[in-house]
Amino acid sequence: NKILGQVYVWGQVRTQGAIDLKVNEPLTVGKAILRAGGFGDFANKKKVKVIRNPTADPGAKHTFELNMAEILEDGKMEKDIQLQADDFVIVPARLVNF
């Protein structure tokens, strides 16, 4: 299976780093997080960011914010987005109230 490129998952996931994007195997944000071992203990699942640098216009960054709690826990799969090569998925930490 040919590899199109990689996406990068950072922040509050079990295993940070690059994930291969394969031809004919669409990778969504939800699947990328699962491949990264799932959310870390302090993940803010409601504010997961995707940062995309369009190859046509390297100066234009697109940022999407996804509520992954809604997508993964409530099954709203239509709100998940398909990743492209060189996308960054950033899972922020939620503020912890002691």
PDB file of N, CA and C in Angstrom:
ATOM      1  N   ASN A   1       0.855  -1.193   0.000  1.00  0.00           N
ATOM      2  CA  ASN A   1       0.000   0.000   0.000  1.00  0.00           C
ATOM      3  C   ASN A   1       0.896   1.251   0.000  1.00  0.00           C
ATOM      4  N   LYS A   2       0.765   2.068  -1.019  1.00  0.00           N
ATOM      5  CA  LYS A   2       1.628   3.246  -1.142  1.00  0.00           C
ATOM      6  C   LYS A   2       1.342   4.273  -0.048  1.00  0.00           C
ATOM      7  N   ILE A   3       2.394   4.972   0.338  1.00  0.00           N
ATOM      8  CA  ILE A   3       2.249   6.001   1.363  1.00  0.00           C
ATOM      9  C   ILE A   3       2.210   7.380   0.699  1.00  0.00           C
ATOM     10  N   LEU A   4       1.175   8.131   1.051  1.00  0.00           N
ATOM     11  CA  LEU A   4       0.980   9.469   0.482  1.00  0.00           C
ATOM     12  C   LEU A   4       1.825  10.515   1.197  1.00  0.00           C
ATOM     13  N   GLY A   5       2.089  10.262   2.454  1.00  0.00           N
ATOM     14  CA  GLY A   5       2.790  11.230   3.282  1.00  0.00           C
ATOM     15  C   GLY A   5       2.528  10.887   4.726  1.00  0.00           C
ATOM     16  N   GLN A   6       2.708  11.856   5.591  1.00  0.00           N
ATOM     17  CA  GLN A   6       2.483  11.604   7.009  1.00  0.00           C
ATOM     18  C   GLN A   6       1.684  12.729   7.620  1.00  0.00           C
ATOM     19  N   VAL A   7       0.988  12.384   8.695  1.00  0.00           N
ATOM     20  CA  VAL A   7       0.354  13.405   9.522  1.00  0.00           C
ATOM     21  C   VAL A   7       1.024  13.315  10.892  1.00  0.00           C
ATOM     22  N   TYR A   8       0.934  14.378  11.637  1.00  0.00           N
ATOM     23  CA  TYR A   8       1.654  14.457  12.912  1.00  0.00           C
ATOM     24  C   TYR A   8       0.661  14.706  14.029  1.00  0.00           C
ATOM     25  N   VAL A   9       0.748  13.886  15.069  1.00  0.00           N
ATOM     26  CA  VAL A   9      -0.185  14.023  16.190  1.00  0.00           C
ATOM     27  C   VAL A   9       0.614  14.430  17.425  1.00  0.00           C
ATOM     28  N   TRP A  10       0.244  15.563  18.011  1.00  0.00           N
ATOM     29  CA  TRP A  10       0.971  16.104  19.150  1.00  0.00           C
ATOM     30  C   TRP A  10       0.034  16.380  20.308  1.00  0.00           C
ATOM     31  N   GLY A  11       0.620  16.526  21.488  1.00  0.00           N
ATOM     32  CA  GLY A  11      -0.152  16.944  22.645  1.00  0.00           C
ATOM     33  C   GLY A  11      -0.599  15.760  23.486  1.00  0.00           C
ATOM     34  N   GLN A  12      -1.839  15.852  23.965  1.00  0.00           N
ATOM     35  CA  GLN A  12      -2.354  14.890  24.933  1.00  0.00           C
ATOM     36  C   GLN A  12      -2.869  13.608  24.283  1.00  0.00           C
ATOM     37  N   VAL A  13      -1.921  12.858  23.670  1.00  0.00           N
ATOM     38  CA  VAL A  13      -2.215  11.506  23.176  1.00  0.00           C
ATOM     39  C   VAL A  13      -1.159  10.593  23.779  1.00  0.00           C
ATOM     40  N   ARG A  14      -1.393   9.295  23.730  1.00  0.00           N
ATOM     41  CA  ARG A  14      -0.445   8.353  24.366  1.00  0.00           C
ATOM     42  C   ARG A  14       0.898   8.331  23.633  1.00  0.00           C
ATOM     43  N   THR A  15       0.868   8.358  22.302  1.00  0.00           N
ATOM     44  CA  THR A  15       2.104   8.269  21.523  1.00  0.00           C
ATOM     45  C   THR A  15       2.141   9.398  20.511  1.00  0.00           C
ATOM     46  N   GLN A  16       2.936  10.430  20.780  1.00  0.00           N
ATOM     47  CA  GLN A  16       3.046  11.542  19.845  1.00  0.00           C
ATOM     48  C   GLN A  16       3.911  11.126  18.665  1.00  0.00           C
ATOM     49  N   GLY A  17       3.697  11.775  17.534  1.00  0.00           N
ATOM     50  CA  GLY A  17       4.582  11.532  16.405  1.00  0.00           C
ATOM     51  C   GLY A  17       3.855  11.405  15.092  1.00  0.00           C
ATOM     52  N   ALA A  18       4.576  10.863  14.112  1.00  0.00           N
ATOM     53  CA  ALA A  18       4.069  10.791  12.742  1.00  0.00           C
ATOM     54  C   ALA A  18       3.272   9.517  12.511  1.00  0.00           C
ATOM     55  N   ILE A  19       2.231   9.634  11.698  1.00  0.00           N
ATOM     56  CA  ILE A  19       1.415   8.489  11.299  1.00  0.00           C
ATOM     57  C   ILE A  19       1.368   8.481   9.774  1.00  0.00           C
ATOM     58  N   ASP A  20       1.629   7.314   9.181  1.00  0.00           N
ATOM     59  CA  ASP A  20       1.610   7.214   7.718  1.00  0.00           C
ATOM     60  C   ASP A  20       0.205   7.378   7.167  1.00  0.00           C
ATOM     61  N   LEU A  21       0.125   8.112   6.080  1.00  0.00           N
ATOM     62  CA  LEU A  21      -1.128   8.315   5.368  1.00  0.00           C
ATOM     63  C   LEU A  21      -1.046   7.438   4.135  1.00  0.00           C
ATOM     64  N   LYS A  22      -1.898   6.416   4.061  1.00  0.00           N
ATOM     65  CA  LYS A  22      -1.805   5.463   2.952  1.00  0.00           C
ATOM     66  C   LYS A  22      -2.824   5.775   1.857  1.00  0.00           C
ATOM     67  N   VAL A  23      -2.432   5.450   0.641  1.00  0.00           N
ATOM     68  CA  VAL A  23      -3.332   5.606  -0.497  1.00  0.00           C
ATOM     69  C   VAL A  23      -4.536   4.676  -0.294  1.00  0.00           C
ATOM     70  N   ASN A  24      -5.714   5.120  -0.646  1.00  0.00           N
ATOM     71  CA  ASN A  24      -6.950   4.321  -0.533  1.00  0.00           C
ATOM     72  C   ASN A  24      -7.326   3.950   0.895  1.00  0.00           C
ATOM     73  N   GLU A  25      -6.747   4.658   1.869  1.00  0.00           N
ATOM     74  CA  GLU A  25      -7.127   4.372   3.257  1.00  0.00           C
ATOM     75  C   GLU A  25      -7.320   5.713   3.947  1.00  0.00           C
ATOM     76  N   PRO A  26      -8.523   6.285   3.810  1.00  0.00           N
ATOM     77  CA  PRO A  26      -8.752   7.619   4.371  1.00  0.00           C
ATOM     78  C   PRO A  26      -8.481   7.628   5.877  1.00  0.00           C
ATOM     79  N   LEU A  27      -7.771   8.633   6.310  1.00  0.00           N
ATOM     80  CA  LEU A  27      -7.470   8.770   7.731  1.00  0.00           C
ATOM     81  C   LEU A  27      -8.186  10.013   8.247  1.00  0.00           C
ATOM     82  N   THR A  28      -9.053   9.815   9.210  1.00  0.00           N
ATOM     83  CA  THR A  28      -9.746  10.944   9.816  1.00  0.00           C
ATOM     84  C   THR A  28      -9.028  11.328  11.112  1.00  0.00           C
ATOM     85  N   VAL A  29      -9.419  12.446  11.666  1.00  0.00           N
ATOM     86  CA  VAL A  29      -8.827  12.894  12.932  1.00  0.00           C
ATOM     87  C   VAL A  29      -9.055  11.840  14.016  1.00  0.00           C
ATOM     88  N   GLY A  30     -10.278  11.306  14.082  1.00  0.00           N
ATOM     89  CA  GLY A  30     -10.590  10.291  15.083  1.00  0.00           C
ATOM     90  C   GLY A  30      -9.697   9.073  14.963  1.00  0.00           C
ATOM     91  N   LYS A  31      -9.498   8.600  13.720  1.00  0.00           N
ATOM     92  CA  LYS A  31      -8.645   7.420  13.511  1.00  0.00           C
ATOM     93  C   LYS A  31      -7.191   7.727  13.860  1.00  0.00           C
ATOM     94  N   ALA A  32      -6.744   8.940  13.531  1.00  0.00           N
ATOM     95  CA  ALA A  32      -5.355   9.316  13.839  1.00  0.00           C
ATOM     96  C   ALA A  32      -5.125   9.303  15.350  1.00  0.00           C
ATOM     97  N   ILE A  33      -6.100   9.796  16.095  1.00  0.00           N
ATOM     98  CA  ILE A  33      -5.968   9.814  17.561  1.00  0.00           C
ATOM     99  C   ILE A  33      -5.955   8.385  18.105  1.00  0.00           C
ATOM    100  N   LEU A  34      -6.791   7.520  17.526  1.00  0.00           N
ATOM    101  CA  LEU A  34      -6.793   6.124  17.968  1.00  0.00           C
ATOM    102  C   LEU A  34      -5.457   5.453  17.653  1.00  0.00           C
ATOM    103  N   ARG A  35      -4.887   5.754  16.472  1.00  0.00           N
ATOM    104  CA  ARG A  35      -3.578   5.188  16.112  1.00  0.00           C
ATOM    105  C   ARG A  35      -2.476   5.694  17.015  1.00  0.00           C
ATOM    106  N   ALA A  36      -2.681   6.895  17.561  1.00  0.00           N
ATOM    107  CA  ALA A  36      -1.690   7.467  18.481  1.00  0.00           C
ATOM    108  C   ALA A  36      -1.912   6.942  19.898  1.00  0.00           C
ATOM    109  N   GLY A  37      -2.738   5.917  20.034  1.00  0.00           N
ATOM    110  CA  GLY A  37      -2.950   5.272  21.328  1.00  0.00           C
ATOM    111  C   GLY A  37      -4.104   5.863  22.121  1.00  0.00           C
ATOM    112  N   GLY A  38      -4.829   6.796  21.509  1.00  0.00           N
ATOM    113  CA  GLY A  38      -5.958   7.401  22.217  1.00  0.00           C
ATOM    114  C   GLY A  38      -5.531   8.643  22.987  1.00  0.00           C
ATOM    115  N   PHE A  39      -6.511   9.243  23.644  1.00  0.00           N
ATOM    116  CA  PHE A  39      -6.263  10.482  24.371  1.00  0.00           C
ATOM    117  C   PHE A  39      -5.444  10.259  25.632  1.00  0.00           C
ATOM    118  N   GLY A  40      -4.635  11.249  25.982  1.00  0.00           N
ATOM    119  CA  GLY A  40      -3.939  11.243  27.263  1.00  0.00           C
ATOM    120  C   GLY A  40      -4.930  11.585  28.373  1.00  0.00           C
ATOM    121  N   ASP A  41      -4.482  11.478  29.607  1.00  0.00           N
ATOM    122  CA  ASP A  41      -5.371  11.671  30.759  1.00  0.00           C
ATOM    123  C   ASP A  41      -5.931  13.088  30.863  1.00  0.00           C
ATOM    124  N   PHE A  42      -5.184  14.056  30.358  1.00  0.00           N
ATOM    125  CA  PHE A  42      -5.608  15.450  30.536  1.00  0.00           C
ATOM    126  C   PHE A  42      -6.062  16.096  29.233  1.00  0.00           C
ATOM    127  N   ALA A  43      -6.405  15.262  28.245  1.00  0.00           N
ATOM    128  CA  ALA A  43      -6.785  15.792  26.934  1.00  0.00           C
ATOM    129  C   ALA A  43      -8.060  16.619  27.007  1.00  0.00           C
ATOM    130  N   ASN A  44      -8.056  17.725  26.295  1.00  0.00           N
ATOM    131  CA  ASN A  44      -9.285  18.482  26.100  1.00  0.00           C
ATOM    132  C   ASN A  44      -9.868  18.011  24.767  1.00  0.00           C
ATOM    133  N   LYS A  45     -10.779  17.038  24.849  1.00  0.00           N
ATOM    134  CA  LYS A  45     -11.312  16.402  23.640  1.00  0.00           C
ATOM    135  C   LYS A  45     -12.202  17.338  22.839  1.00  0.00           C
ATOM    136  N   LYS A  46     -12.638  18.413  23.467  1.00  0.00           N
ATOM    137  CA  LYS A  46     -13.587  19.307  22.798  1.00  0.00           C
ATOM    138  C   LYS A  46     -12.918  20.371  21.948  1.00  0.00           C
ATOM    139  N   LYS A  47     -11.587  20.483  22.049  1.00  0.00           N
ATOM    140  CA  LYS A  47     -10.895  21.540  21.305  1.00  0.00           C
ATOM    141  C   LYS A  47      -9.676  20.989  20.570  1.00  0.00           C
ATOM    142  N   VAL A  48      -9.871  19.907  19.828  1.00  0.00           N
ATOM    143  CA  VAL A  48      -8.770  19.318  19.065  1.00  0.00           C
ATOM    144  C   VAL A  48      -8.563  20.153  17.803  1.00  0.00           C
ATOM    145  N   LYS A  49      -7.325  20.533  17.566  1.00  0.00           N
ATOM    146  CA  LYS A  49      -7.038  21.391  16.408  1.00  0.00           C
ATOM    147  C   LYS A  49      -6.354  20.616  15.290  1.00  0.00           C
ATOM    148  N   VAL A  50      -6.708  20.970  14.070  1.00  0.00           N
ATOM    149  CA  VAL A  50      -5.995  20.469  12.895  1.00  0.00           C
ATOM    150  C   VAL A  50      -5.407  21.691  12.203  1.00  0.00           C
ATOM    151  N   ILE A  51      -4.105  21.649  11.965  1.00  0.00           N
ATOM    152  CA  ILE A  51      -3.448  22.757  11.274  1.00  0.00           C
ATOM    153  C   ILE A  51      -2.958  22.235   9.930  1.00  0.00           C
ATOM    154  N   ARG A  52      -3.386  22.890   8.872  1.00  0.00           N
ATOM    155  CA  ARG A  52      -3.087  22.450   7.511  1.00  0.00           C
ATOM    156  C   ARG A  52      -2.371  23.568   6.770  1.00  0.00           C
ATOM    157  N   ASN A  53      -1.265  23.219   6.148  1.00  0.00           N
ATOM    158  CA  ASN A  53      -0.550  24.157   5.284  1.00  0.00           C
ATOM    159  C   ASN A  53      -0.817  23.760   3.840  1.00  0.00           C
ATOM    160  N   PRO A  54      -1.676  24.460   3.148  1.00  0.00           N
ATOM    161  CA  PRO A  54      -1.970  24.070   1.769  1.00  0.00           C
ATOM    162  C   PRO A  54      -0.727  24.190   0.901  1.00  0.00           C
ATOM    163  N   THR A  55      -0.434  23.151   0.120  1.00  0.00           N
ATOM    164  CA  THR A  55       0.774  23.138  -0.702  1.00  0.00           C
ATOM    165  C   THR A  55       0.728  24.229  -1.764  1.00  0.00           C
ATOM    166  N   ALA A  56      -0.448  24.532  -2.263  1.00  0.00           N
ATOM    167  CA  ALA A  56      -0.582  25.549  -3.304  1.00  0.00           C
ATOM    168  C   ALA A  56      -0.206  26.932  -2.779  1.00  0.00           C
ATOM    169  N   ASP A  57      -0.491  27.155  -1.503  1.00  0.00           N
ATOM    170  CA  ASP A  57      -0.238  28.467  -0.917  1.00  0.00           C
ATOM    171  C   ASP A  57       0.369  28.277   0.470  1.00  0.00           C
ATOM    172  N   PRO A  58       1.697  28.071   0.512  1.00  0.00           N
ATOM    173  CA  PRO A  58       2.347  27.727   1.784  1.00  0.00           C
ATOM    174  C   PRO A  58       2.139  28.765   2.883  1.00  0.00           C
ATOM    175  N   GLY A  59       1.839  30.002   2.505  1.00  0.00           N
ATOM    176  CA  GLY A  59       1.648  31.025   3.519  1.00  0.00           C
ATOM    177  C   GLY A  59       0.303  30.947   4.209  1.00  0.00           C
ATOM    178  N   ALA A  60      -0.644  30.250   3.583  1.00  0.00           N
ATOM    179  CA  ALA A  60      -2.009  30.216   4.126  1.00  0.00           C
ATOM    180  C   ALA A  60      -2.186  28.999   5.021  1.00  0.00           C
ATOM    181  N   LYS A  61      -2.309  29.256   6.300  1.00  0.00           N
ATOM    182  CA  LYS A  61      -2.568  28.146   7.225  1.00  0.00           C
ATOM    183  C   LYS A  61      -4.064  28.043   7.435  1.00  0.00           C
ATOM    184  N   HIS A  62      -4.568  26.820   7.437  1.00  0.00           N
ATOM    185  CA  HIS A  62      -5.972  26.607   7.792  1.00  0.00           C
ATOM    186  C   HIS A  62      -6.001  25.897   9.129  1.00  0.00           C
ATOM    187  N   THR A  63      -6.820  26.374  10.032  1.00  0.00           N
ATOM    188  CA  THR A  63      -6.958  25.713  11.326  1.00  0.00           C
ATOM    189  C   THR A  63      -8.414  25.314  11.508  1.00  0.00           C
ATOM    190  N   PHE A  64      -8.619  24.061  11.846  1.00  0.00           N
ATOM    191  CA  PHE A  64      -9.959  23.558  12.141  1.00  0.00           C
ATOM    192  C   PHE A  64      -9.987  23.200  13.612  1.00  0.00           C
ATOM    193  N   GLU A  65     -11.098  23.425  14.274  1.00  0.00           N
ATOM    194  CA  GLU A  65     -11.224  22.973  15.658  1.00  0.00           C
ATOM    195  C   GLU A  65     -12.370  21.983  15.721  1.00  0.00           C
ATOM    196  N   LEU A  66     -12.083  20.823  16.285  1.00  0.00           N
ATOM    197  CA  LEU A  66     -13.082  19.753  16.321  1.00  0.00           C
ATOM    198  C   LEU A  66     -13.429  19.379  17.752  1.00  0.00           C
ATOM    199  N   ASN A  67     -14.698  19.095  17.960  1.00  0.00           N
ATOM    200  CA  ASN A  67     -15.132  18.550  19.245  1.00  0.00           C
ATOM    201  C   ASN A  67     -15.112  17.029  19.109  1.00  0.00           C
ATOM    202  N   MET A  68     -13.992  16.417  19.496  1.00  0.00           N
ATOM    203  CA  MET A  68     -13.849  14.967  19.317  1.00  0.00           C
ATOM    204  C   MET A  68     -14.687  14.179  20.312  1.00  0.00           C
ATOM    205  N   ALA A  69     -15.082  14.808  21.412  1.00  0.00           N
ATOM    206  CA  ALA A  69     -15.957  14.115  22.363  1.00  0.00           C
ATOM    207  C   ALA A  69     -17.277  13.820  21.661  1.00  0.00           C
ATOM    208  N   GLU A  70     -17.770  14.811  20.932  1.00  0.00           N
ATOM    209  CA  GLU A  70     -19.023  14.677  20.197  1.00  0.00           C
ATOM    210  C   GLU A  70     -18.891  13.619  19.097  1.00  0.00           C
ATOM    211  N   ILE A  71     -17.744  13.665  18.389  1.00  0.00           N
ATOM    212  CA  ILE A  71     -17.546  12.762  17.256  1.00  0.00           C
ATOM    213  C   ILE A  71     -17.355  11.315  17.726  1.00  0.00           C
ATOM    214  N   LEU A  72     -16.437  11.114  18.689  1.00  0.00           N
ATOM    215  CA  LEU A  72     -16.100   9.745  19.083  1.00  0.00           C
ATOM    216  C   LEU A  72     -17.075   9.160  20.096  1.00  0.00           C
ATOM    217  N   GLU A  73     -17.577  10.004  21.014  1.00  0.00           N
ATOM    218  CA  GLU A  73     -18.431   9.452  22.072  1.00  0.00           C
ATOM    219  C   GLU A  73     -19.902   9.475  21.686  1.00  0.00           C
ATOM    220  N   ASP A  74     -20.307  10.485  20.897  1.00  0.00           N
ATOM    221  CA  ASP A  74     -21.714  10.556  20.493  1.00  0.00           C
ATOM    222  C   ASP A  74     -21.921  10.015  19.080  1.00  0.00           C
ATOM    223  N   GLY A  75     -20.820   9.585  18.428  1.00  0.00           N
ATOM    224  CA  GLY A  75     -20.946   8.969  17.114  1.00  0.00           C
ATOM    225  C   GLY A  75     -21.292   9.925  15.982  1.00  0.00           C
ATOM    226  N   LYS A  76     -20.952  11.199  16.140  1.00  0.00           N
ATOM    227  CA  LYS A  76     -21.248  12.164  15.065  1.00  0.00           C
ATOM    228  C   LYS A  76     -20.121  12.167  14.037  1.00  0.00           C
ATOM    229  N   MET A  77     -19.972  11.013  13.365  1.00  0.00           N
ATOM    230  CA  MET A  77     -18.839  10.797  12.460  1.00  0.00           C
ATOM    231  C   MET A  77     -18.801  11.779  11.298  1.00  0.00           C
ATOM    232  N   GLU A  78     -19.963  12.326  10.946  1.00  0.00           N
ATOM    233  CA  GLU A  78     -19.994  13.254   9.802  1.00  0.00           C
ATOM    234  C   GLU A  78     -19.229  14.548  10.106  1.00  0.00           C
ATOM    235  N   LYS A  79     -18.958  14.795  11.395  1.00  0.00           N
ATOM    236  CA  LYS A  79     -18.221  16.007  11.767  1.00  0.00           C
ATOM    237  C   LYS A  79     -16.710  15.795  11.786  1.00  0.00           C
ATOM    238  N   ASP A  80     -16.295  14.533  11.668  1.00  0.00           N
ATOM    239  CA  ASP A  80     -14.859  14.226  11.636  1.00  0.00           C
ATOM    240  C   ASP A  80     -14.320  14.679  10.275  1.00  0.00           C
ATOM    241  N   ILE A  81     -13.059  15.066  10.211  1.00  0.00           N
ATOM    242  CA  ILE A  81     -12.534  15.470   8.913  1.00  0.00           C
ATOM    243  C   ILE A  81     -11.400  14.565   8.469  1.00  0.00           C
ATOM    244  N   GLN A  82     -11.288  14.434   7.151  1.00  0.00           N
ATOM    245  CA  GLN A  82     -10.256  13.596   6.564  1.00  0.00           C
ATOM    246  C   GLN A  82      -8.949  14.367   6.516  1.00  0.00           C
ATOM    247  N   LEU A  83      -7.882  13.700   6.937  1.00  0.00           N
ATOM    248  CA  LEU A  83      -6.586  14.367   6.992  1.00  0.00           C
ATOM    249  C   LEU A  83      -5.859  14.307   5.653  1.00  0.00           C
ATOM    250  N   GLN A  84      -4.990  15.284   5.454  1.00  0.00           N
ATOM    251  CA  GLN A  84      -4.136  15.331   4.277  1.00  0.00           C
ATOM    252  C   GLN A  84      -2.694  15.276   4.740  1.00  0.00           C
ATOM    253  N   ALA A  85      -1.788  14.930   3.818  1.00  0.00           N
ATOM    254  CA  ALA A  85      -0.369  14.837   4.155  1.00  0.00           C
ATOM    255  C   ALA A  85       0.101  16.137   4.797  1.00  0.00           C
ATOM    256  N   ASP A  86       0.938  15.988   5.809  1.00  0.00           N
ATOM    257  CA  ASP A  86       1.546  17.113   6.532  1.00  0.00           C
ATOM    258  C   ASP A  86       0.590  17.880   7.436  1.00  0.00           C
ATOM    259  N   ASP A  87      -0.616  17.357   7.641  1.00  0.00           N
ATOM    260  CA  ASP A  87      -1.497  17.980   8.626  1.00  0.00           C
ATOM    261  C   ASP A  87      -0.936  17.734  10.023  1.00  0.00           C
ATOM    262  N   PHE A  88      -1.146  18.692  10.895  1.00  0.00           N
ATOM    263  CA  PHE A  88      -0.817  18.524  12.310  1.00  0.00           C
ATOM    264  C   PHE A  88      -2.114  18.412  13.084  1.00  0.00           C
ATOM    265  N   VAL A  89      -2.211  17.400  13.947  1.00  0.00           N
ATOM    266  CA  VAL A  89      -3.357  17.266  14.847  1.00  0.00           C
ATOM    267  C   VAL A  89      -2.818  17.578  16.237  1.00  0.00           C
ATOM    268  N   ILE A  90      -3.400  18.578  16.875  1.00  0.00           N
ATOM    269  CA  ILE A  90      -2.903  18.987  18.187  1.00  0.00           C
ATOM    270  C   ILE A  90      -4.005  18.808  19.219  1.00  0.00           C
ATOM    271  N   VAL A  91      -3.719  17.979  20.216  1.00  0.00           N
ATOM    272  CA  VAL A  91      -4.691  17.713  21.282  1.00  0.00           C
ATOM    273  C   VAL A  91      -4.241  18.491  22.516  1.00  0.00           C
ATOM    274  N   PRO A  92      -4.958  19.571  22.844  1.00  0.00           N
ATOM    275  CA  PRO A  92      -4.502  20.396  23.971  1.00  0.00           C
ATOM    276  C   PRO A  92      -4.855  19.735  25.303  1.00  0.00           C
ATOM    277  N   ALA A  93      -4.203  20.218  26.348  1.00  0.00           N
ATOM    278  CA  ALA A  93      -4.539  19.769  27.695  1.00  0.00           C
ATOM    279  C   ALA A  93      -5.676  20.645  28.200  1.00  0.00           C
ATOM    280  N   ARG A  94      -6.566  20.026  28.960  1.00  0.00           N
ATOM    281  CA  ARG A  94      -7.626  20.854  29.555  1.00  0.00           C
ATOM    282  C   ARG A  94      -7.071  21.447  30.848  1.00  0.00           C
ATOM    283  N   LEU A  95      -7.690  22.514  31.273  1.00  0.00           N
ATOM    284  CA  LEU A  95      -7.261  23.118  32.529  1.00  0.00           C
ATOM    285  C   LEU A  95      -7.736  22.219  33.659  1.00  0.00           C
ATOM    286  N   VAL A  96      -6.837  21.882  34.541  1.00  0.00           N
ATOM    287  CA  VAL A  96      -7.176  20.983  35.638  1.00  0.00           C
ATOM    288  C   VAL A  96      -7.524  21.814  36.866  1.00  0.00           C
ATOM    289  N   ASN A  97      -8.696  21.576  37.388  1.00  0.00           N
ATOM    290  CA  ASN A  97      -9.094  22.281  38.616  1.00  0.00           C
ATOM    291  C   ASN A  97      -8.815  21.381  39.808  1.00  0.00           C
ATOM    292  N   PHE A  98      -7.987  21.848  40.683  1.00  0.00           N
ATOM    293  CA  PHE A  98      -7.636  21.011  41.847  1.00  0.00           C
ATOM    294  C   PHE A  98      -8.639  21.201  42.960  1.00  0.00           C
TER     295      PHE A  98
END
